[in-house]
Amino acid sequence: MAHVRGHYRKNGSYVRPHTRRVKGPSTSAREAVRRTTVPRPRPDPGATTHVRGHYRNGHYVRPHRRRISAPLAVATGGGGLLLLIFVLLALFGGGGA
């Protein structure tokens, strides 16, 4: 059980002093569990890019990293295969009269 002192809420109403039930284990017990937990290996995120902070729909989006989708990854560096196909078609598919 935890004792709560009287206080004012944001809306201006007063909360009288009372005792409330504490949910879950104590803080020290949670920290002990957190320290003994073995972190799981994270999967390889693949190709990522850095996104600068910006405003979207009137809200600020903090800088972060995001995954590059497959079509964008091909457009940024995987276009060599497409060029090779065009060169082979030009060499062997050359029609003539």
PDB file of N, CA and C in Angstrom:
ATOM      1  N   MET A   1       0.846  -1.172   0.000  1.00  0.00           N
ATOM      2  CA  MET A   1       0.000   0.000   0.000  1.00  0.00           C
ATOM      3  C   MET A   1       0.895   1.239   0.000  1.00  0.00           C
ATOM      4  N   ALA A   2       0.453   2.267  -0.676  1.00  0.00           N
ATOM      5  CA  ALA A   2       1.222   3.500  -0.754  1.00  0.00           C
ATOM      6  C   ALA A   2       0.327   4.667  -0.351  1.00  0.00           C
ATOM      7  N   HIS A   3       0.887   5.570   0.418  1.00  0.00           N
ATOM      8  CA  HIS A   3       0.132   6.745   0.836  1.00  0.00           C
ATOM      9  C   HIS A   3       0.302   7.836  -0.206  1.00  0.00           C
ATOM     10  N   VAL A   4      -0.810   8.461  -0.598  1.00  0.00           N
ATOM     11  CA  VAL A   4      -0.795   9.543  -1.574  1.00  0.00           C
ATOM     12  C   VAL A   4      -1.189  10.826  -0.855  1.00  0.00           C
ATOM     13  N   ARG A   5      -0.351  11.836  -0.956  1.00  0.00           N
ATOM     14  CA  ARG A   5      -0.668  13.114  -0.320  1.00  0.00           C
ATOM     15  C   ARG A   5      -1.726  13.856  -1.118  1.00  0.00           C
ATOM     16  N   GLY A   6      -2.417  14.748  -0.479  1.00  0.00           N
ATOM     17  CA  GLY A   6      -3.408  15.560  -1.172  1.00  0.00           C
ATOM     18  C   GLY A   6      -2.727  16.458  -2.194  1.00  0.00           C
ATOM     19  N   HIS A   7      -3.360  16.643  -3.343  1.00  0.00           N
ATOM     20  CA  HIS A   7      -2.770  17.475  -4.394  1.00  0.00           C
ATOM     21  C   HIS A   7      -3.866  18.003  -5.319  1.00  0.00           C
ATOM     22  N   TYR A   8      -3.469  18.960  -6.148  1.00  0.00           N
ATOM     23  CA  TYR A   8      -4.390  19.527  -7.131  1.00  0.00           C
ATOM     24  C   TYR A   8      -4.079  18.929  -8.503  1.00  0.00           C
ATOM     25  N   ARG A   9      -5.112  18.573  -9.238  1.00  0.00           N
ATOM     26  CA  ARG A   9      -4.948  18.069 -10.592  1.00  0.00           C
ATOM     27  C   ARG A   9      -4.791  19.226 -11.566  1.00  0.00           C
ATOM     28  N   LYS A  10      -4.482  18.896 -12.817  1.00  0.00           N
ATOM     29  CA  LYS A  10      -4.332  19.928 -13.848  1.00  0.00           C
ATOM     30  C   LYS A  10      -5.609  20.731 -14.032  1.00  0.00           C
ATOM     31  N   ASN A  11      -6.744  20.065 -13.885  1.00  0.00           N
ATOM     32  CA  ASN A  11      -8.015  20.752 -14.108  1.00  0.00           C
ATOM     33  C   ASN A  11      -8.463  21.582 -12.902  1.00  0.00           C
ATOM     34  N   GLY A  12      -7.640  21.609 -11.843  1.00  0.00           N
ATOM     35  CA  GLY A  12      -7.938  22.444 -10.695  1.00  0.00           C
ATOM     36  C   GLY A  12      -8.668  21.747  -9.569  1.00  0.00           C
ATOM     37  N   SER A  13      -9.103  20.505  -9.756  1.00  0.00           N
ATOM     38  CA  SER A  13      -9.809  19.799  -8.685  1.00  0.00           C
ATOM     39  C   SER A  13      -8.805  19.287  -7.652  1.00  0.00           C
ATOM     40  N   TYR A  14      -9.260  19.178  -6.403  1.00  0.00           N
ATOM     41  CA  TYR A  14      -8.396  18.753  -5.311  1.00  0.00           C
ATOM     42  C   TYR A  14      -8.618  17.275  -5.023  1.00  0.00           C
ATOM     43  N   VAL A  15      -7.533  16.523  -4.867  1.00  0.00           N
ATOM     44  CA  VAL A  15      -7.598  15.107  -4.516  1.00  0.00           C
ATOM     45  C   VAL A  15      -7.196  14.980  -3.060  1.00  0.00           C
ATOM     46  N   ARG A  16      -8.080  14.399  -2.235  1.00  0.00           N
ATOM     47  CA  ARG A  16      -7.789  14.255  -0.806  1.00  0.00           C
ATOM     48  C   ARG A  16      -6.712  13.203  -0.576  1.00  0.00           C
ATOM     49  N   PRO A  17      -5.979  13.290   0.539  1.00  0.00           N
ATOM     50  CA  PRO A  17      -4.986  12.252   0.845  1.00  0.00           C
ATOM     51  C   PRO A  17      -5.673  10.890   0.978  1.00  0.00           C
ATOM     52  N   HIS A  18      -5.029   9.858   0.464  1.00  0.00           N
ATOM     53  CA  HIS A  18      -5.600   8.521   0.541  1.00  0.00           C
ATOM     54  C   HIS A  18      -4.498   7.478   0.420  1.00  0.00           C
ATOM     55  N   THR A  19      -4.861   6.230   0.578  1.00  0.00           N
ATOM     56  CA  THR A  19      -3.927   5.119   0.421  1.00  0.00           C
ATOM     57  C   THR A  19      -4.361   4.319  -0.795  1.00  0.00           C
ATOM     58  N   ARG A  20      -3.397   3.994  -1.655  1.00  0.00           N
ATOM     59  CA  ARG A  20      -3.740   3.226  -2.846  1.00  0.00           C
ATOM     60  C   ARG A  20      -2.925   1.938  -2.886  1.00  0.00           C
ATOM     61  N   ARG A  21      -3.422   0.981  -3.617  1.00  0.00           N
ATOM     62  CA  ARG A  21      -2.737  -0.292  -3.766  1.00  0.00           C
ATOM     63  C   ARG A  21      -1.626  -0.153  -4.802  1.00  0.00           C
ATOM     64  N   VAL A  22      -0.478  -0.730  -4.538  1.00  0.00           N
ATOM     65  CA  VAL A  22       0.642  -0.698  -5.477  1.00  0.00           C
ATOM     66  C   VAL A  22       0.485  -1.879  -6.421  1.00  0.00           C
ATOM     67  N   LYS A  23       0.522  -1.619  -7.709  1.00  0.00           N
ATOM     68  CA  LYS A  23       0.377  -2.675  -8.700  1.00  0.00           C
ATOM     69  C   LYS A  23       1.733  -3.293  -9.009  1.00  0.00           C
ATOM     70  N   GLY A  24       1.779  -4.603  -9.131  1.00  0.00           N
ATOM     71  CA  GLY A  24       2.988  -5.306  -9.541  1.00  0.00           C
ATOM     72  C   GLY A  24       4.053  -5.323  -8.475  1.00  0.00           C
ATOM     73  N   PRO A  25       5.215  -5.904  -8.813  1.00  0.00           N
ATOM     74  CA  PRO A  25       6.313  -5.993  -7.855  1.00  0.00           C
ATOM     75  C   PRO A  25       6.931  -4.624  -7.592  1.00  0.00           C
ATOM     76  N   SER A  26       7.703  -4.544  -6.530  1.00  0.00           N
ATOM     77  CA  SER A  26       8.331  -3.274  -6.192  1.00  0.00           C
ATOM     78  C   SER A  26       9.364  -2.904  -7.240  1.00  0.00           C
ATOM     79  N   THR A  27       9.815  -1.670  -7.207  1.00  0.00           N
ATOM     80  CA  THR A  27      10.776  -1.177  -8.191  1.00  0.00           C
ATOM     81  C   THR A  27      12.057  -1.989  -8.174  1.00  0.00           C
ATOM     82  N   SER A  28      12.567  -2.297  -6.974  1.00  0.00           N
ATOM     83  CA  SER A  28      13.820  -3.049  -6.906  1.00  0.00           C
ATOM     84  C   SER A  28      13.656  -4.446  -7.489  1.00  0.00           C
ATOM     85  N   ALA A  29      12.486  -5.077  -7.317  1.00  0.00           N
ATOM     86  CA  ALA A  29      12.253  -6.395  -7.889  1.00  0.00           C
ATOM     87  C   ALA A  29      12.205  -6.320  -9.411  1.00  0.00           C
ATOM     88  N   ARG A  30      11.580  -5.269  -9.970  1.00  0.00           N
ATOM     89  CA  ARG A  30      11.544  -5.108 -11.430  1.00  0.00           C
ATOM     90  C   ARG A  30      12.940  -4.899 -11.982  1.00  0.00           C
ATOM     91  N   GLU A  31      13.761  -4.109 -11.291  1.00  0.00           N
ATOM     92  CA  GLU A  31      15.125  -3.871 -11.767  1.00  0.00           C
ATOM     93  C   GLU A  31      15.939  -5.144 -11.727  1.00  0.00           C
ATOM     94  N   ALA A  32      15.732  -5.981 -10.689  1.00  0.00           N
ATOM     95  CA  ALA A  32      16.462  -7.242 -10.603  1.00  0.00           C
ATOM     96  C   ALA A  32      16.094  -8.145 -11.768  1.00  0.00           C
ATOM     97  N   VAL A  33      14.816  -8.200 -12.126  1.00  0.00           N
ATOM     98  CA  VAL A  33      14.393  -9.016 -13.256  1.00  0.00           C
ATOM     99  C   VAL A  33      14.974  -8.453 -14.542  1.00  0.00           C
ATOM    100  N   ARG A  34      14.960  -7.135 -14.670  1.00  0.00           N
ATOM    101  CA  ARG A  34      15.471  -6.495 -15.868  1.00  0.00           C
ATOM    102  C   ARG A  34      16.962  -6.781 -16.055  1.00  0.00           C
ATOM    103  N   ARG A  35      17.726  -6.811 -14.963  1.00  0.00           N
ATOM    104  CA  ARG A  35      19.161  -7.059 -15.057  1.00  0.00           C
ATOM    105  C   ARG A  35      19.472  -8.497 -15.409  1.00  0.00           C
ATOM    106  N   THR A  36      18.644  -9.448 -14.973  1.00  0.00           N
ATOM    107  CA  THR A  36      18.939 -10.853 -15.221  1.00  0.00           C
ATOM    108  C   THR A  36      18.387 -11.343 -16.545  1.00  0.00           C
ATOM    109  N   THR A  37      17.572 -10.556 -17.222  1.00  0.00           N
ATOM    110  CA  THR A  37      17.002 -10.966 -18.493  1.00  0.00           C
ATOM    111  C   THR A  37      18.071 -10.926 -19.584  1.00  0.00           C
ATOM    112  N   VAL A  38      18.157 -11.994 -20.356  1.00  0.00           N
ATOM    113  CA  VAL A  38      19.127 -12.061 -21.448  1.00  0.00           C
ATOM    114  C   VAL A  38      18.499 -11.403 -22.671  1.00  0.00           C
ATOM    115  N   PRO A  39      19.181 -10.418 -23.270  1.00  0.00           N
ATOM    116  CA  PRO A  39      18.588  -9.755 -24.434  1.00  0.00           C
ATOM    117  C   PRO A  39      18.513 -10.710 -25.625  1.00  0.00           C
ATOM    118  N   ARG A  40      17.404 -10.629 -26.342  1.00  0.00           N
ATOM    119  CA  ARG A  40      17.237 -11.460 -27.526  1.00  0.00           C
ATOM    120  C   ARG A  40      18.010 -10.863 -28.691  1.00  0.00           C
ATOM    121  N   PRO A  41      18.573 -11.684 -29.547  1.00  0.00           N
ATOM    122  CA  PRO A  41      19.271 -11.128 -30.714  1.00  0.00           C
ATOM    123  C   PRO A  41      18.270 -10.467 -31.648  1.00  0.00           C
ATOM    124  N   ARG A  42      18.641  -9.305 -32.134  1.00  0.00           N
ATOM    125  CA  ARG A  42      17.756  -8.579 -33.037  1.00  0.00           C
ATOM    126  C   ARG A  42      18.016  -9.027 -34.468  1.00  0.00           C
ATOM    127  N   PRO A  43      16.975  -9.138 -35.271  1.00  0.00           N
ATOM    128  CA  PRO A  43      17.183  -9.518 -36.667  1.00  0.00           C
ATOM    129  C   PRO A  43      17.892  -8.398 -37.421  1.00  0.00           C
ATOM    130  N   ASP A  44      18.588  -8.786 -38.474  1.00  0.00           N
ATOM    131  CA  ASP A  44      19.288  -7.797 -39.298  1.00  0.00           C
ATOM    132  C   ASP A  44      18.265  -6.875 -39.933  1.00  0.00           C
ATOM    133  N   PRO A  45      18.382  -5.559 -39.706  1.00  0.00           N
ATOM    134  CA  PRO A  45      17.367  -4.649 -40.244  1.00  0.00           C
ATOM    135  C   PRO A  45      17.442  -4.471 -41.741  1.00  0.00           C
ATOM    136  N   GLY A  46      18.509  -4.947 -42.372  1.00  0.00           N
ATOM    137  CA  GLY A  46      18.631  -4.770 -43.816  1.00  0.00           C
ATOM    138  C   GLY A  46      19.065  -3.352 -44.137  1.00  0.00           C
ATOM    139  N   ALA A  47      18.745  -2.897 -45.329  1.00  0.00           N
ATOM    140  CA  ALA A  47      19.136  -1.565 -45.761  1.00  0.00           C
ATOM    141  C   ALA A  47      18.314  -0.515 -45.006  1.00  0.00           C
ATOM    142  N   THR A  48      19.001   0.444 -44.388  1.00  0.00           N
ATOM    143  CA  THR A  48      18.320   1.517 -43.672  1.00  0.00           C
ATOM    144  C   THR A  48      18.819   2.859 -44.174  1.00  0.00           C
ATOM    145  N   THR A  49      18.077   3.886 -43.857  1.00  0.00           N
ATOM    146  CA  THR A  49      18.470   5.246 -44.205  1.00  0.00           C
ATOM    147  C   THR A  49      18.124   6.165 -43.047  1.00  0.00           C
ATOM    148  N   HIS A  50      18.812   7.285 -42.957  1.00  0.00           N
ATOM    149  CA  HIS A  50      18.562   8.256 -41.900  1.00  0.00           C
ATOM    150  C   HIS A  50      17.511   9.255 -42.377  1.00  0.00           C
ATOM    151  N   VAL A  51      16.530   9.517 -41.523  1.00  0.00           N
ATOM    152  CA  VAL A  51      15.482  10.489 -41.845  1.00  0.00           C
ATOM    153  C   VAL A  51      15.672  11.691 -40.937  1.00  0.00           C
ATOM    154  N   ARG A  52      15.806  12.869 -41.532  1.00  0.00           N
ATOM    155  CA  ARG A  52      15.972  14.085 -40.732  1.00  0.00           C
ATOM    156  C   ARG A  52      14.666  14.456 -40.052  1.00  0.00           C
ATOM    157  N   GLY A  53      14.759  15.237 -38.977  1.00  0.00           N
ATOM    158  CA  GLY A  53      13.560  15.713 -38.292  1.00  0.00           C
ATOM    159  C   GLY A  53      12.753  16.615 -39.217  1.00  0.00           C
ATOM    160  N   HIS A  54      11.436  16.494 -39.172  1.00  0.00           N
ATOM    161  CA  HIS A  54      10.583  17.282 -40.050  1.00  0.00           C
ATOM    162  C   HIS A  54       9.192  17.411 -39.437  1.00  0.00           C
ATOM    163  N   TYR A  55       8.384  18.267 -40.039  1.00  0.00           N
ATOM    164  CA  TYR A  55       7.000  18.439 -39.604  1.00  0.00           C
ATOM    165  C   TYR A  55       6.086  17.663 -40.547  1.00  0.00           C
ATOM    166  N   ARG A  56       5.118  16.941 -39.969  1.00  0.00           N
ATOM    167  CA  ARG A  56       4.152  16.196 -40.759  1.00  0.00           C
ATOM    168  C   ARG A  56       2.776  16.403 -40.146  1.00  0.00           C
ATOM    169  N   ASN A  57       1.871  16.925 -40.918  1.00  0.00           N
ATOM    170  CA  ASN A  57       0.509  17.214 -40.465  1.00  0.00           C
ATOM    171  C   ASN A  57       0.502  18.093 -39.216  1.00  0.00           C
ATOM    172  N   GLY A  58       1.434  19.036 -39.139  1.00  0.00           N
ATOM    173  CA  GLY A  58       1.481  19.959 -38.016  1.00  0.00           C
ATOM    174  C   GLY A  58       2.205  19.444 -36.795  1.00  0.00           C
ATOM    175  N   HIS A  59       2.726  18.206 -36.835  1.00  0.00           N
ATOM    176  CA  HIS A  59       3.451  17.632 -35.704  1.00  0.00           C
ATOM    177  C   HIS A  59       4.895  17.388 -36.094  1.00  0.00           C
ATOM    178  N   TYR A  60       5.805  17.572 -35.137  1.00  0.00           N
ATOM    179  CA  TYR A  60       7.217  17.372 -35.405  1.00  0.00           C
ATOM    180  C   TYR A  60       7.567  15.890 -35.285  1.00  0.00           C
ATOM    181  N   VAL A  61       8.268  15.369 -36.273  1.00  0.00           N
ATOM    182  CA  VAL A  61       8.744  13.989 -36.269  1.00  0.00           C
ATOM    183  C   VAL A  61      10.241  14.037 -36.009  1.00  0.00           C
ATOM    184  N   ARG A  62      10.689  13.360 -34.942  1.00  0.00           N
ATOM    185  CA  ARG A  62      12.101  13.386 -34.567  1.00  0.00           C
ATOM    186  C   ARG A  62      12.955  12.638 -35.583  1.00  0.00           C
ATOM    187  N   PRO A  63      14.255  12.980 -35.679  1.00  0.00           N
ATOM    188  CA  PRO A  63      15.143  12.235 -36.585  1.00  0.00           C
ATOM    189  C   PRO A  63      15.178  10.763 -36.178  1.00  0.00           C
ATOM    190  N   HIS A  64      15.235   9.873 -37.171  1.00  0.00           N
ATOM    191  CA  HIS A  64      15.258   8.444 -36.891  1.00  0.00           C
ATOM    192  C   HIS A  64      15.820   7.692 -38.089  1.00  0.00           C
ATOM    193  N   ARG A  65      15.992   6.379 -37.955  1.00  0.00           N
ATOM    194  CA  ARG A  65      16.407   5.521 -39.049  1.00  0.00           C
ATOM    195  C   ARG A  65      15.207   4.691 -39.460  1.00  0.00           C
ATOM    196  N   ARG A  66      15.079   4.429 -40.748  1.00  0.00           N
ATOM    197  CA  ARG A  66      13.986   3.588 -41.224  1.00  0.00           C
ATOM    198  C   ARG A  66      14.506   2.636 -42.284  1.00  0.00           C
ATOM    199  N   ARG A  67      13.768   1.544 -42.451  1.00  0.00           N
ATOM    200  CA  ARG A  67      14.129   0.563 -43.465  1.00  0.00           C
ATOM    201  C   ARG A  67      13.828   1.100 -44.853  1.00  0.00           C
ATOM    202  N   ILE A  68      14.628   0.694 -45.806  1.00  0.00           N
ATOM    203  CA  ILE A  68      14.378   1.049 -47.203  1.00  0.00           C
ATOM    204  C   ILE A  68      13.591  -0.108 -47.805  1.00  0.00           C
ATOM    205  N   SER A  69      12.483   0.202 -48.434  1.00  0.00           N
ATOM    206  CA  SER A  69      11.669  -0.844 -49.053  1.00  0.00           C
ATOM    207  C   SER A  69      12.411  -1.420 -50.256  1.00  0.00           C
ATOM    208  N   ALA A  70      12.021  -2.599 -50.701  1.00  0.00           N
ATOM    209  CA  ALA A  70      12.710  -3.298 -51.782  1.00  0.00           C
ATOM    210  C   ALA A  70      12.769  -2.485 -53.078  1.00  0.00           C
ATOM    211  N   PRO A  71      11.679  -1.888 -53.569  1.00  0.00           N
ATOM    212  CA  PRO A  71      11.790  -1.117 -54.819  1.00  0.00           C
ATOM    213  C   PRO A  71      12.741   0.075 -54.691  1.00  0.00           C
ATOM    214  N   LEU A  72      12.748   0.717 -53.541  1.00  0.00           N
ATOM    215  CA  LEU A  72      13.641   1.852 -53.350  1.00  0.00           C
ATOM    216  C   LEU A  72      15.080   1.387 -53.271  1.00  0.00           C
ATOM    217  N   ALA A  73      15.333   0.229 -52.660  1.00  0.00           N
ATOM    218  CA  ALA A  73      16.686  -0.299 -52.579  1.00  0.00           C
ATOM    219  C   ALA A  73      17.212  -0.620 -53.969  1.00  0.00           C
ATOM    220  N   VAL A  74      16.360  -1.138 -54.847  1.00  0.00           N
ATOM    221  CA  VAL A  74      16.770  -1.427 -56.217  1.00  0.00           C
ATOM    222  C   VAL A  74      17.064  -0.135 -56.949  1.00  0.00           C
ATOM    223  N   ALA A  75      16.238   0.892 -56.736  1.00  0.00           N
ATOM    224  CA  ALA A  75      16.428   2.156 -57.432  1.00  0.00           C
ATOM    225  C   ALA A  75      17.692   2.861 -56.967  1.00  0.00           C
ATOM    226  N   THR A  76      18.114   2.643 -55.692  1.00  0.00           N
ATOM    227  CA  THR A  76      19.278   3.353 -55.199  1.00  0.00           C
ATOM    228  C   THR A  76      20.586   2.664 -55.549  1.00  0.00           C
ATOM    229  N   GLY A  77      20.589   1.359 -55.829  1.00  0.00           N
ATOM    230  CA  GLY A  77      21.867   0.726 -56.101  1.00  0.00           C
ATOM    231  C   GLY A  77      21.758  -0.590 -56.810  1.00  0.00           C
ATOM    232  N   GLY A  78      20.603  -1.126 -56.985  1.00  0.00           N
ATOM    233  CA  GLY A  78      20.462  -2.433 -57.598  1.00  0.00           C
ATOM    234  C   GLY A  78      20.100  -2.357 -59.068  1.00  0.00           C
ATOM    235  N   GLY A  79      20.324  -1.262 -59.740  1.00  0.00           N
ATOM    236  CA  GLY A  79      19.943  -1.097 -61.141  1.00  0.00           C
ATOM    237  C   GLY A  79      20.920  -1.687 -62.118  1.00  0.00           C
ATOM    238  N   GLY A  80      22.028  -2.265 -61.667  1.00  0.00           N
ATOM    239  CA  GLY A  80      23.026  -2.839 -62.558  1.00  0.00           C
ATOM    240  C   GLY A  80      22.477  -3.995 -63.368  1.00  0.00           C
ATOM    241  N   LEU A  81      21.614  -4.796 -62.785  1.00  0.00           N
ATOM    242  CA  LEU A  81      21.028  -5.936 -63.477  1.00  0.00           C
ATOM    243  C   LEU A  81      20.155  -5.460 -64.630  1.00  0.00           C
ATOM    244  N   LEU A  82      19.397  -4.419 -64.399  1.00  0.00           N
ATOM    245  CA  LEU A  82      18.537  -3.882 -65.453  1.00  0.00           C
ATOM    246  C   LEU A  82      19.366  -3.355 -66.624  1.00  0.00           C
ATOM    247  N   LEU A  83      20.462  -2.713 -66.336  1.00  0.00           N
ATOM    248  CA  LEU A  83      21.354  -2.206 -67.383  1.00  0.00           C
ATOM    249  C   LEU A  83      21.949  -3.354 -68.180  1.00  0.00           C
ATOM    250  N   LEU A  84      22.320  -4.428 -67.489  1.00  0.00           N
ATOM    251  CA  LEU A  84      22.881  -5.592 -68.164  1.00  0.00           C
ATOM    252  C   LEU A  84      21.866  -6.208 -69.124  1.00  0.00           C
ATOM    253  N   ILE A  85      20.617  -6.274 -68.712  1.00  0.00           N
ATOM    254  CA  ILE A  85      19.578  -6.826 -69.585  1.00  0.00           C
ATOM    255  C   ILE A  85      19.410  -5.979 -70.837  1.00  0.00           C
ATOM    256  N   PHE A  86      19.420  -4.667 -70.708  1.00  0.00           N
ATOM    257  CA  PHE A  86      19.296  -3.789 -71.870  1.00  0.00           C
ATOM    258  C   PHE A  86      20.477  -3.948 -72.827  1.00  0.00           C
ATOM    259  N   VAL A  87      21.670  -4.103 -72.285  1.00  0.00           N
ATOM    260  CA  VAL A  87      22.857  -4.266 -73.131  1.00  0.00           C
ATOM    261  C   VAL A  87      22.764  -5.591 -73.881  1.00  0.00           C
ATOM    262  N   LEU A  88      22.367  -6.666 -73.201  1.00  0.00           N
ATOM    263  CA  LEU A  88      22.247  -7.968 -73.877  1.00  0.00           C
ATOM    264  C   LEU A  88      21.176  -7.946 -74.947  1.00  0.00           C
ATOM    265  N   LEU A  89      20.065  -7.273 -74.674  1.00  0.00           N
ATOM    266  CA  LEU A  89      19.019  -7.176 -75.701  1.00  0.00           C
ATOM    267  C   LEU A  89      19.510  -6.385 -76.912  1.00  0.00           C
ATOM    268  N   ALA A  90      20.283  -5.359 -76.651  1.00  0.00           N
ATOM    269  CA  ALA A  90      20.801  -4.558 -77.775  1.00  0.00           C
ATOM    270  C   ALA A  90      21.769  -5.362 -78.620  1.00  0.00           C
ATOM    271  N   LEU A  91      22.594  -6.223 -77.971  1.00  0.00           N
ATOM    272  CA  LEU A  91      23.587  -6.993 -78.717  1.00  0.00           C
ATOM    273  C   LEU A  91      22.959  -8.152 -79.499  1.00  0.00           C
ATOM    274  N   PHE A  92      22.095  -8.911 -78.844  1.00  0.00           N
ATOM    275  CA  PHE A  92      21.570 -10.105 -79.481  1.00  0.00           C
ATOM    276  C   PHE A  92      20.203  -9.916 -80.126  1.00  0.00           C
ATOM    277  N   GLY A  93      19.520  -8.891 -79.791  1.00  0.00           N
ATOM    278  CA  GLY A  93      18.175  -8.728 -80.347  1.00  0.00           C
ATOM    279  C   GLY A  93      18.148  -7.738 -81.491  1.00  0.00           C
ATOM    280  N   GLY A  94      19.304  -7.299 -81.906  1.00  0.00           N
ATOM    281  CA  GLY A  94      19.344  -6.291 -82.974  1.00  0.00           C
ATOM    282  C   GLY A  94      18.684  -6.800 -84.238  1.00  0.00           C
ATOM    283  N   GLY A  95      17.650  -6.204 -84.593  1.00  0.00           N
ATOM    284  CA  GLY A  95      16.964  -6.619 -85.820  1.00  0.00           C
ATOM    285  C   GLY A  95      17.588  -5.915 -87.007  1.00  0.00           C
ATOM    286  N   GLY A  96      17.183  -6.222 -88.059  1.00  0.00           N
ATOM    287  CA  GLY A  96      17.739  -5.567 -89.242  1.00  0.00           C
ATOM    288  C   GLY A  96      16.829  -5.775 -90.431  1.00  0.00           C
ATOM    289  N   ALA A  97      17.186  -5.150 -91.490  1.00  0.00           N
ATOM    290  CA  ALA A  97      16.377  -5.285 -92.679  1.00  0.00           C
ATOM    291  C   ALA A  97      17.075  -6.106 -93.697  1.00  0.00           C
TER     292      ALA A  97
END
